[in-house]
Amino acid sequence: MSLSGQYDGNNIFAKIIRGEIPAVKIYEDEAVLAFMDVFPQSKGHCLVISKTAEARNLLEIDGQALGAVMVTVQNLAKAVTTALNPDGLVITQFNGALAGQTVFHLHFHIIPRYDGVALAGHGHGTMADMADLKALAAQISAAL
């Protein structure tokens, strides 16, 4: 998908927002949802999305909705750091297929980095154990 086009209301994140697909949630309010990535690149990899903006990428979201998302990204990054004590933290966001975007609903990745531990690939790899994700979500949520 290119940088322009129509928002698909049946993408996986839209379905998660509507409760049609389960997610291991960390934080939720009226505007934003944070949850664990089921194909994590690292222990504690989580995602933040807008619940209100039908934006495929950063170029399509209005400033107010983006502000709510970014406040949550910062708060979640702090909670991940407190809960998991990583050696570094990657915060990333992709715009368009050629940039690596695989789900066309604006989302931010928070990926803890640990010394000596390589990252798994983006958008593929092994699906995480749900019990492990729930335990990590509880740790991170407790640190919010």
C-alpha atoms as a PDB file:
ATOM      1  CA  MET A   1       0.000   0.000   0.000  1.00  0.00           C
ATOM      2  CA  SER A   2       1.144   3.472  -0.801  1.00  0.00           C
ATOM      3  CA  LEU A   3       0.933   6.563   1.366  1.00  0.00           C
ATOM      4  CA  SER A   4      -2.482   7.460  -0.020  1.00  0.00           C
ATOM      5  CA  GLY A   5      -5.721   5.538  -0.217  1.00  0.00           C
ATOM      6  CA  GLN A   6      -8.818   4.595   1.700  1.00  0.00           C
ATOM      7  CA  TYR A   7      -8.823   3.497   5.329  1.00  0.00           C
ATOM      8  CA  ASP A   8      -9.946  -0.142   5.630  1.00  0.00           C
ATOM      9  CA  GLY A   9     -12.259  -0.443   8.629  1.00  0.00           C
ATOM     10  CA  ASN A  10     -11.681  -4.206   8.624  1.00  0.00           C
ATOM     11  CA  ASN A  11      -7.949  -4.063   9.379  1.00  0.00           C
ATOM     12  CA  ILE A  12      -6.851  -6.102  12.389  1.00  0.00           C
ATOM     13  CA  PHE A  13      -6.415  -3.085  14.700  1.00  0.00           C
ATOM     14  CA  ALA A  14      -9.893  -1.766  13.876  1.00  0.00           C
ATOM     15  CA  LYS A  15     -11.226  -5.223  14.744  1.00  0.00           C
ATOM     16  CA  ILE A  16      -9.307  -5.171  18.041  1.00  0.00           C
ATOM     17  CA  ILE A  17     -10.806  -1.746  18.874  1.00  0.00           C
ATOM     18  CA  ARG A  18     -14.316  -3.115  18.202  1.00  0.00           C
ATOM     19  CA  GLY A  19     -13.620  -6.204  20.336  1.00  0.00           C
ATOM     20  CA  GLU A  20     -13.916  -8.602  17.390  1.00  0.00           C
ATOM     21  CA  ILE A  21     -10.373  -9.893  17.894  1.00  0.00           C
ATOM     22  CA  PRO A  22      -8.803 -10.320  21.335  1.00  0.00           C
ATOM     23  CA  ALA A  23      -5.722  -8.400  22.419  1.00  0.00           C
ATOM     24  CA  VAL A  24      -3.567  -8.445  25.514  1.00  0.00           C
ATOM     25  CA  LYS A  25      -4.299  -4.909  26.645  1.00  0.00           C
ATOM     26  CA  ILE A  26      -1.974  -2.804  28.750  1.00  0.00           C
ATOM     27  CA  TYR A  27      -3.842   0.504  28.779  1.00  0.00           C
ATOM     28  CA  GLU A  28      -7.052   1.865  27.336  1.00  0.00           C
ATOM     29  CA  ASP A  29      -9.016   5.099  27.524  1.00  0.00           C
ATOM     30  CA  GLU A  30     -11.613   6.710  25.269  1.00  0.00           C
ATOM     31  CA  ALA A  31      -9.001   7.776  22.692  1.00  0.00           C
ATOM     32  CA  VAL A  32      -6.085   5.327  22.834  1.00  0.00           C
ATOM     33  CA  LEU A  33      -5.351   1.615  23.193  1.00  0.00           C
ATOM     34  CA  ALA A  34      -2.000   0.039  24.107  1.00  0.00           C
ATOM     35  CA  PHE A  35      -1.487  -3.715  23.823  1.00  0.00           C
ATOM     36  CA  MET A  36       1.178  -6.383  23.462  1.00  0.00           C
ATOM     37  CA  ASP A  37       2.461  -7.281  19.994  1.00  0.00           C
ATOM     38  CA  VAL A  38       1.643 -10.968  19.371  1.00  0.00           C
ATOM     39  CA  PHE A  39       4.693 -11.270  17.102  1.00  0.00           C
ATOM     40  CA  PRO A  40       7.166  -9.452  19.350  1.00  0.00           C
ATOM     41  CA  GLN A  41      10.577  -8.418  18.152  1.00  0.00           C
ATOM     42  CA  SER A  42      11.722  -8.361  21.771  1.00  0.00           C
ATOM     43  CA  LYS A  43      10.426  -9.168  25.256  1.00  0.00           C
ATOM     44  CA  GLY A  44       7.921  -6.445  26.124  1.00  0.00           C
ATOM     45  CA  HIS A  45       7.234  -5.237  22.553  1.00  0.00           C
ATOM     46  CA  CYS A  46       3.955  -3.310  22.633  1.00  0.00           C
ATOM     47  CA  LEU A  47       1.843  -1.129  20.359  1.00  0.00           C
ATOM     48  CA  VAL A  48      -0.114   2.103  20.778  1.00  0.00           C
ATOM     49  CA  ILE A  49      -3.017   3.024  18.482  1.00  0.00           C
ATOM     50  CA  SER A  50      -5.694   5.675  18.251  1.00  0.00           C
ATOM     51  CA  LYS A  51      -9.207   4.400  18.864  1.00  0.00           C
ATOM     52  CA  THR A  52     -10.825   7.474  17.325  1.00  0.00           C
ATOM     53  CA  ALA A  53      -8.810   8.311  14.192  1.00  0.00           C
ATOM     54  CA  GLU A  54      -9.292   6.329  11.009  1.00  0.00           C
ATOM     55  CA  ALA A  55      -5.772   7.140   9.901  1.00  0.00           C
ATOM     56  CA  ARG A  56      -3.670   4.683   7.936  1.00  0.00           C
ATOM     57  CA  ASN A  57      -0.460   6.533   8.759  1.00  0.00           C
ATOM     58  CA  LEU A  58       1.055   9.581  10.437  1.00  0.00           C
ATOM     59  CA  LEU A  59       0.152  11.814   7.491  1.00  0.00           C
ATOM     60  CA  GLU A  60      -3.589  11.237   7.939  1.00  0.00           C
ATOM     61  CA  ILE A  61      -4.196  11.793  11.667  1.00  0.00           C
ATOM     62  CA  ASP A  62      -5.350  15.108  13.091  1.00  0.00           C
ATOM     63  CA  GLY A  63      -3.187  16.828  15.696  1.00  0.00           C
ATOM     64  CA  GLN A  64      -5.509  16.334  18.656  1.00  0.00           C
ATOM     65  CA  ALA A  65      -5.758  12.568  18.118  1.00  0.00           C
ATOM     66  CA  LEU A  66      -2.004  12.366  17.527  1.00  0.00           C
ATOM     67  CA  GLY A  67      -1.375  14.243  20.776  1.00  0.00           C
ATOM     68  CA  ALA A  68      -3.370  11.669  22.745  1.00  0.00           C
ATOM     69  CA  VAL A  69      -1.450   8.848  21.093  1.00  0.00           C
ATOM     70  CA  MET A  70       1.947  10.449  21.745  1.00  0.00           C
ATOM     71  CA  VAL A  71       1.227  11.083  25.424  1.00  0.00           C
ATOM     72  CA  THR A  72       0.389   7.392  25.754  1.00  0.00           C
ATOM     73  CA  VAL A  73       3.508   6.390  23.807  1.00  0.00           C
ATOM     74  CA  GLN A  74       5.647   8.380  26.256  1.00  0.00           C
ATOM     75  CA  ASN A  75       3.830   7.050  29.339  1.00  0.00           C
ATOM     76  CA  LEU A  76       4.032   3.475  28.087  1.00  0.00           C
ATOM     77  CA  ALA A  77       7.736   3.857  27.241  1.00  0.00           C
ATOM     78  CA  LYS A  78       8.370   4.983  30.813  1.00  0.00           C
ATOM     79  CA  ALA A  79       6.327   2.060  32.184  1.00  0.00           C
ATOM     80  CA  VAL A  80       8.175  -0.461  29.983  1.00  0.00           C
ATOM     81  CA  THR A  81      11.473   0.962  31.214  1.00  0.00           C
ATOM     82  CA  THR A  82      10.389   0.744  34.862  1.00  0.00           C
ATOM     83  CA  ALA A  83       8.828  -2.711  34.583  1.00  0.00           C
ATOM     84  CA  LEU A  84      11.364  -4.493  32.370  1.00  0.00           C
ATOM     85  CA  ASN A  85      14.610  -2.545  32.859  1.00  0.00           C
ATOM     86  CA  PRO A  86      15.786  -2.791  29.236  1.00  0.00           C
ATOM     87  CA  ASP A  87      19.183  -1.517  28.133  1.00  0.00           C
ATOM     88  CA  GLY A  88      17.588   0.580  25.393  1.00  0.00           C
ATOM     89  CA  LEU A  89      14.240   1.355  23.838  1.00  0.00           C
ATOM     90  CA  VAL A  90      13.175   1.666  20.201  1.00  0.00           C
ATOM     91  CA  ILE A  91      10.077   3.708  19.444  1.00  0.00           C
ATOM     92  CA  THR A  92       9.127   3.438  15.804  1.00  0.00           C
ATOM     93  CA  GLN A  93       6.313   4.000  13.351  1.00  0.00           C
ATOM     94  CA  PHE A  94       6.106   3.053   9.655  1.00  0.00           C
ATOM     95  CA  ASN A  95       4.288   4.884   6.838  1.00  0.00           C
ATOM     96  CA  GLY A  96       3.459   2.797   3.764  1.00  0.00           C
ATOM     97  CA  ALA A  97       4.365  -0.716   2.689  1.00  0.00           C
ATOM     98  CA  LEU A  98       7.749   0.295   1.302  1.00  0.00           C
ATOM     99  CA  ALA A  99       8.626   1.716   4.726  1.00  0.00           C
ATOM    100  CA  GLY A 100       7.768  -1.600   6.400  1.00  0.00           C
ATOM    101  CA  GLN A 101       4.164  -0.934   7.452  1.00  0.00           C
ATOM    102  CA  THR A 102       2.129  -4.154   7.538  1.00  0.00           C
ATOM    103  CA  VAL A 103      -1.075  -3.007   9.267  1.00  0.00           C
ATOM    104  CA  PHE A 104      -2.585   0.117   7.742  1.00  0.00           C
ATOM    105  CA  HIS A 105      -3.918   1.697  10.928  1.00  0.00           C
ATOM    106  CA  LEU A 106      -1.514   4.227  12.443  1.00  0.00           C
ATOM    107  CA  HIS A 107       0.427   2.567  15.247  1.00  0.00           C
ATOM    108  CA  PHE A 108       3.598   3.077  17.244  1.00  0.00           C
ATOM    109  CA  HIS A 109       5.913   0.271  18.346  1.00  0.00           C
ATOM    110  CA  ILE A 110       7.669   0.377  21.708  1.00  0.00           C
ATOM    111  CA  ILE A 111      10.421  -2.212  21.559  1.00  0.00           C
ATOM    112  CA  PRO A 112      12.696  -2.835  24.548  1.00  0.00           C
ATOM    113  CA  ARG A 113      16.304  -3.701  23.675  1.00  0.00           C
ATOM    114  CA  TYR A 114      18.496  -5.931  25.805  1.00  0.00           C
ATOM    115  CA  ASP A 115      22.274  -6.094  25.553  1.00  0.00           C
ATOM    116  CA  GLY A 116      23.356  -9.151  23.582  1.00  0.00           C
ATOM    117  CA  VAL A 117      19.815 -10.073  22.446  1.00  0.00           C
ATOM    118  CA  ALA A 118      19.052  -9.728  18.740  1.00  0.00           C
ATOM    119  CA  LEU A 119      15.704  -8.421  17.543  1.00  0.00           C
ATOM    120  CA  ALA A 120      13.306 -10.773  15.811  1.00  0.00           C
ATOM    121  CA  GLY A 121      12.083  -9.658  12.381  1.00  0.00           C
ATOM    122  CA  HIS A 122       9.278  -7.118  11.996  1.00  0.00           C
ATOM    123  CA  GLY A 123       5.858  -8.522  11.096  1.00  0.00           C
ATOM    124  CA  HIS A 124       6.842 -12.165  11.023  1.00  0.00           C
ATOM    125  CA  GLY A 125       8.352 -14.813  13.220  1.00  0.00           C
ATOM    126  CA  THR A 126       7.000 -16.833  16.085  1.00  0.00           C
ATOM    127  CA  MET A 127       3.742 -15.948  17.776  1.00  0.00           C
ATOM    128  CA  ALA A 128       4.248 -15.284  21.476  1.00  0.00           C
ATOM    129  CA  ASP A 129       2.787 -17.406  24.239  1.00  0.00           C
ATOM    130  CA  MET A 130      -0.386 -15.673  25.455  1.00  0.00           C
ATOM    131  CA  ALA A 131       0.339 -16.434  29.119  1.00  0.00           C
ATOM    132  CA  ASP A 132       3.758 -14.765  28.748  1.00  0.00           C
ATOM    133  CA  LEU A 133       2.184 -11.718  27.071  1.00  0.00           C
ATOM    134  CA  LYS A 134      -0.433 -11.418  29.822  1.00  0.00           C
ATOM    135  CA  ALA A 135       2.270 -11.541  32.502  1.00  0.00           C
ATOM    136  CA  LEU A 136       4.316  -8.852  30.711  1.00  0.00           C
ATOM    137  CA  ALA A 137       1.209  -6.695  30.218  1.00  0.00           C
ATOM    138  CA  ALA A 138       0.442  -6.930  33.926  1.00  0.00           C
ATOM    139  CA  GLN A 139       4.004  -5.868  34.814  1.00  0.00           C
ATOM    140  CA  ILE A 140       3.911  -2.912  32.418  1.00  0.00           C
ATOM    141  CA  SER A 141       0.397  -1.885  33.411  1.00  0.00           C
ATOM    142  CA  ALA A 142       1.393  -1.908  37.084  1.00  0.00           C
ATOM    143  CA  ALA A 143       4.193   0.544  36.255  1.00  0.00           C
ATOM    144  CA  LEU A 144       1.855   3.069  34.570  1.00  0.00           C
END
